[in-house]
Amino acid sequence: MTIPLFFPPVTYVQRLSLRAPSTIRQLCEIAGVECRASGAWTERQVEIVGGKELKITAEPGDWGKVMIEFGPMKLATKVGRQGAQIALAVLAYGMHDLAAKQSVIASSWTRIVSPKGRPKSDRALSGRERQRRFRARIRSATPA
């Protein structure tokens, strides 16, 4: 699993009512990472709900409640490992929550996906070389 390069902007509301919130410490346990923070930072309430697309709603401040909507996610009574990992990544890189960021910073699943397209090379090819390779690919792809 990898995380997206860009997260949607956070929508801030005055009050946010959560039905079944988890704390950052609980999300770290579910995600299988060590919570590298202590104190009130780890008690921030976070709720994960299903939705059409990724959406972040939060109360202002460092300890405000957060609601994260995932698109397409089956609503369950218990958050799974992948859901907890995505929620921690959203907190860390979408909301810049320090407790979440320090907890997931060394995890392999926080790597950003490389953009699709032509692989990078040390030097640019000339037009003649690109055309030669293109013709060789076309010859090898067409049946005889």
C-alpha atoms as a PDB file:
ATOM      1  CA  MET A   1       0.000   0.000   0.000  1.00  0.00           C
ATOM      2  CA  THR A   2       1.163   3.510  -0.739  1.00  0.00           C
ATOM      3  CA  ILE A   3      -0.284   6.884   0.103  1.00  0.00           C
ATOM      4  CA  PRO A   4      -1.434   9.551  -2.351  1.00  0.00           C
ATOM      5  CA  LEU A   5       0.853  12.437  -3.245  1.00  0.00           C
ATOM      6  CA  PHE A   6      -1.781  15.104  -2.553  1.00  0.00           C
ATOM      7  CA  PHE A   7      -4.474  15.186   0.102  1.00  0.00           C
ATOM      8  CA  PRO A   8      -7.645  17.285  -0.156  1.00  0.00           C
ATOM      9  CA  PRO A   9      -7.760  20.465   1.938  1.00  0.00           C
ATOM     10  CA  VAL A  10      -9.160  20.155   5.439  1.00  0.00           C
ATOM     11  CA  THR A  11     -12.652  21.539   6.066  1.00  0.00           C
ATOM     12  CA  TYR A  12     -12.779  23.120   9.515  1.00  0.00           C
ATOM     13  CA  VAL A  13     -16.032  23.252  11.474  1.00  0.00           C
ATOM     14  CA  GLN A  14     -16.828  24.757  14.888  1.00  0.00           C
ATOM     15  CA  ARG A  15     -18.170  21.528  16.436  1.00  0.00           C
ATOM     16  CA  LEU A  16     -17.871  17.957  15.208  1.00  0.00           C
ATOM     17  CA  SER A  17     -19.882  15.112  16.716  1.00  0.00           C
ATOM     18  CA  LEU A  18     -18.371  11.655  16.361  1.00  0.00           C
ATOM     19  CA  ARG A  19     -20.213   8.348  16.875  1.00  0.00           C
ATOM     20  CA  ALA A  20     -17.371   5.857  17.432  1.00  0.00           C
ATOM     21  CA  PRO A  21     -14.038   7.703  17.596  1.00  0.00           C
ATOM     22  CA  SER A  22     -10.597   6.159  17.985  1.00  0.00           C
ATOM     23  CA  THR A  23      -7.502   7.862  19.337  1.00  0.00           C
ATOM     24  CA  ILE A  24      -4.196   8.232  17.545  1.00  0.00           C
ATOM     25  CA  ARG A  25      -2.694   5.720  19.974  1.00  0.00           C
ATOM     26  CA  GLN A  26      -5.396   3.158  19.085  1.00  0.00           C
ATOM     27  CA  LEU A  27      -4.896   3.787  15.347  1.00  0.00           C
ATOM     28  CA  CYS A  28      -1.148   3.168  15.783  1.00  0.00           C
ATOM     29  CA  GLU A  29      -1.850  -0.148  17.518  1.00  0.00           C
ATOM     30  CA  ILE A  30      -4.259  -1.234  14.768  1.00  0.00           C
ATOM     31  CA  ALA A  31      -1.838  -0.125  12.023  1.00  0.00           C
ATOM     32  CA  GLY A  32       0.998  -2.047  13.614  1.00  0.00           C
ATOM     33  CA  VAL A  33       3.318   0.915  14.234  1.00  0.00           C
ATOM     34  CA  GLU A  34       4.823   2.213  17.447  1.00  0.00           C
ATOM     35  CA  CYS A  35       3.190   5.398  18.712  1.00  0.00           C
ATOM     36  CA  ARG A  36       6.166   7.751  19.081  1.00  0.00           C
ATOM     37  CA  ALA A  37       4.330  10.398  21.073  1.00  0.00           C
ATOM     38  CA  SER A  38       2.913  10.678  24.556  1.00  0.00           C
ATOM     39  CA  GLY A  39       0.443  12.753  26.489  1.00  0.00           C
ATOM     40  CA  ALA A  40      -2.584  14.598  25.166  1.00  0.00           C
ATOM     41  CA  TRP A  41      -1.247  14.452  21.590  1.00  0.00           C
ATOM     42  CA  THR A  42      -2.110  10.771  21.369  1.00  0.00           C
ATOM     43  CA  GLU A  43      -5.672  11.219  22.664  1.00  0.00           C
ATOM     44  CA  ARG A  44      -6.937  13.176  19.638  1.00  0.00           C
ATOM     45  CA  GLN A  45     -10.271  11.671  18.585  1.00  0.00           C
ATOM     46  CA  VAL A  46     -10.474  10.427  15.000  1.00  0.00           C
ATOM     47  CA  GLU A  47     -13.410   8.763  13.276  1.00  0.00           C
ATOM     48  CA  ILE A  48     -13.230   6.928   9.966  1.00  0.00           C
ATOM     49  CA  VAL A  49     -16.405   6.738   7.880  1.00  0.00           C
ATOM     50  CA  GLY A  50     -17.257   5.633   4.356  1.00  0.00           C
ATOM     51  CA  GLY A  51     -17.912   8.186   1.636  1.00  0.00           C
ATOM     52  CA  LYS A  52     -17.682   8.887  -2.065  1.00  0.00           C
ATOM     53  CA  GLU A  53     -14.156  10.305  -1.951  1.00  0.00           C
ATOM     54  CA  LEU A  54     -11.413  11.208   0.513  1.00  0.00           C
ATOM     55  CA  LYS A  55     -12.612  14.118   2.661  1.00  0.00           C
ATOM     56  CA  ILE A  56     -11.146  15.536   5.886  1.00  0.00           C
ATOM     57  CA  THR A  57     -13.306  17.456   8.372  1.00  0.00           C
ATOM     58  CA  ALA A  58     -11.841  18.731  11.643  1.00  0.00           C
ATOM     59  CA  GLU A  59     -12.274  21.056  14.573  1.00  0.00           C
ATOM     60  CA  PRO A  60      -9.656  23.824  14.825  1.00  0.00           C
ATOM     61  CA  GLY A  61      -6.619  23.300  17.020  1.00  0.00           C
ATOM     62  CA  ASP A  62      -4.069  20.601  17.700  1.00  0.00           C
ATOM     63  CA  TRP A  63      -6.416  18.475  19.809  1.00  0.00           C
ATOM     64  CA  GLY A  64      -9.642  18.987  17.843  1.00  0.00           C
ATOM     65  CA  LYS A  65     -11.728  16.037  16.669  1.00  0.00           C
ATOM     66  CA  VAL A  66     -11.217  14.744  13.117  1.00  0.00           C
ATOM     67  CA  MET A  67     -13.530  12.882  10.721  1.00  0.00           C
ATOM     68  CA  ILE A  68     -11.985  11.163   7.708  1.00  0.00           C
ATOM     69  CA  GLU A  69     -14.208   9.933   4.888  1.00  0.00           C
ATOM     70  CA  PHE A  70     -12.772   7.275   2.601  1.00  0.00           C
ATOM     71  CA  GLY A  71     -14.190   6.484  -0.746  1.00  0.00           C
ATOM     72  CA  PRO A  72     -15.380   3.375  -1.315  1.00  0.00           C
ATOM     73  CA  MET A  73     -15.081   1.765   2.085  1.00  0.00           C
ATOM     74  CA  LYS A  74     -17.461  -0.654   3.703  1.00  0.00           C
ATOM     75  CA  LEU A  75     -18.609   0.653   7.051  1.00  0.00           C
ATOM     76  CA  ALA A  76     -17.596  -1.685   9.820  1.00  0.00           C
ATOM     77  CA  THR A  77     -17.725  -1.539  13.589  1.00  0.00           C
ATOM     78  CA  LYS A  78     -13.963  -1.971  13.770  1.00  0.00           C
ATOM     79  CA  VAL A  79     -11.342  -0.147  11.703  1.00  0.00           C
ATOM     80  CA  GLY A  80      -8.991  -2.491   9.832  1.00  0.00           C
ATOM     81  CA  ARG A  81      -5.225  -2.290   9.473  1.00  0.00           C
ATOM     82  CA  GLN A  82      -5.269  -0.591   6.065  1.00  0.00           C
ATOM     83  CA  GLY A  83      -7.922   1.908   7.181  1.00  0.00           C
ATOM     84  CA  ALA A  84      -5.841   2.814  10.235  1.00  0.00           C
ATOM     85  CA  GLN A  85      -2.728   3.240   8.083  1.00  0.00           C
ATOM     86  CA  ILE A  86      -4.528   5.554   5.665  1.00  0.00           C
ATOM     87  CA  ALA A  87      -6.029   7.519   8.564  1.00  0.00           C
ATOM     88  CA  LEU A  88      -2.583   7.990  10.128  1.00  0.00           C
ATOM     89  CA  ALA A  89      -1.173   9.090   6.772  1.00  0.00           C
ATOM     90  CA  VAL A  90      -4.016  11.603   6.366  1.00  0.00           C
ATOM     91  CA  LEU A  91      -3.347  12.965   9.855  1.00  0.00           C
ATOM     92  CA  ALA A  92       0.417  13.070   9.293  1.00  0.00           C
ATOM     93  CA  TYR A  93       0.604  14.531   5.804  1.00  0.00           C
ATOM     94  CA  GLY A  94      -2.855  16.024   5.200  1.00  0.00           C
ATOM     95  CA  MET A  95      -3.258  17.731   8.585  1.00  0.00           C
ATOM     96  CA  HIS A  96       0.419  17.828   9.667  1.00  0.00           C
ATOM     97  CA  ASP A  97      -0.328  16.187  13.018  1.00  0.00           C
ATOM     98  CA  LEU A  98       3.052  15.765  14.705  1.00  0.00           C
ATOM     99  CA  ALA A  99       2.139  12.679  16.760  1.00  0.00           C
ATOM    100  CA  ALA A 100       0.916  10.816  13.670  1.00  0.00           C
ATOM    101  CA  LYS A 101       3.829  12.000  11.518  1.00  0.00           C
ATOM    102  CA  GLN A 102       6.480  10.829  13.979  1.00  0.00           C
ATOM    103  CA  SER A 103       4.725   7.473  14.299  1.00  0.00           C
ATOM    104  CA  VAL A 104       4.546   6.687  10.564  1.00  0.00           C
ATOM    105  CA  ILE A 105       7.633   8.457   9.226  1.00  0.00           C
ATOM    106  CA  ALA A 106       9.787   5.302   8.981  1.00  0.00           C
ATOM    107  CA  SER A 107       7.050   2.950   7.738  1.00  0.00           C
ATOM    108  CA  SER A 108       7.421   1.365   4.311  1.00  0.00           C
ATOM    109  CA  TRP A 109       3.766   1.994   3.395  1.00  0.00           C
ATOM    110  CA  THR A 110       4.172   5.788   3.589  1.00  0.00           C
ATOM    111  CA  ARG A 111       6.152   5.853   0.356  1.00  0.00           C
ATOM    112  CA  ILE A 112       4.699   7.981  -2.401  1.00  0.00           C
ATOM    113  CA  VAL A 113       3.765   6.252  -5.654  1.00  0.00           C
ATOM    114  CA  SER A 114       6.018   7.138  -8.589  1.00  0.00           C
ATOM    115  CA  PRO A 115       4.180   8.958 -11.343  1.00  0.00           C
ATOM    116  CA  LYS A 116       3.333   6.898 -14.407  1.00  0.00           C
ATOM    117  CA  GLY A 117       5.162   7.640 -17.593  1.00  0.00           C
ATOM    118  CA  ARG A 118       8.552   7.260 -19.152  1.00  0.00           C
ATOM    119  CA  PRO A 119      11.265   6.188 -16.703  1.00  0.00           C
ATOM    120  CA  LYS A 120      13.965   8.735 -15.953  1.00  0.00           C
ATOM    121  CA  SER A 121      17.291   8.298 -17.693  1.00  0.00           C
ATOM    122  CA  ASP A 122      20.727   9.778 -17.144  1.00  0.00           C
ATOM    123  CA  ARG A 123      20.722  11.503 -20.503  1.00  0.00           C
ATOM    124  CA  ALA A 124      18.132  12.426 -23.060  1.00  0.00           C
ATOM    125  CA  LEU A 125      18.024  10.345 -26.236  1.00  0.00           C
ATOM    126  CA  SER A 126      18.368  11.953 -29.617  1.00  0.00           C
ATOM    127  CA  GLY A 127      15.418  11.961 -32.004  1.00  0.00           C
ATOM    128  CA  ARG A 128      17.231   9.451 -34.203  1.00  0.00           C
ATOM    129  CA  GLU A 129      17.739   6.996 -31.303  1.00  0.00           C
ATOM    130  CA  ARG A 130      14.129   7.325 -30.088  1.00  0.00           C
ATOM    131  CA  GLN A 131      12.847   6.643 -33.632  1.00  0.00           C
ATOM    132  CA  ARG A 132      15.153   3.606 -34.013  1.00  0.00           C
ATOM    133  CA  ARG A 133      13.864   2.110 -30.735  1.00  0.00           C
ATOM    134  CA  PHE A 134      10.251   2.844 -31.683  1.00  0.00           C
ATOM    135  CA  ARG A 135      10.619   1.064 -35.037  1.00  0.00           C
ATOM    136  CA  ALA A 136      12.280  -1.920 -33.337  1.00  0.00           C
ATOM    137  CA  ARG A 137       9.342  -2.170 -30.896  1.00  0.00           C
ATOM    138  CA  ILE A 138       6.816  -2.008 -33.738  1.00  0.00           C
ATOM    139  CA  ARG A 139       8.672  -4.735 -35.705  1.00  0.00           C
ATOM    140  CA  SER A 140       8.796  -7.046 -32.703  1.00  0.00           C
ATOM    141  CA  ALA A 141       5.086  -6.465 -31.859  1.00  0.00           C
ATOM    142  CA  THR A 142       3.653  -7.218 -35.330  1.00  0.00           C
ATOM    143  CA  PRO A 143       3.171 -10.910 -36.169  1.00  0.00           C
ATOM    144  CA  ALA A 144       4.908 -12.243 -39.284  1.00  0.00           C
END
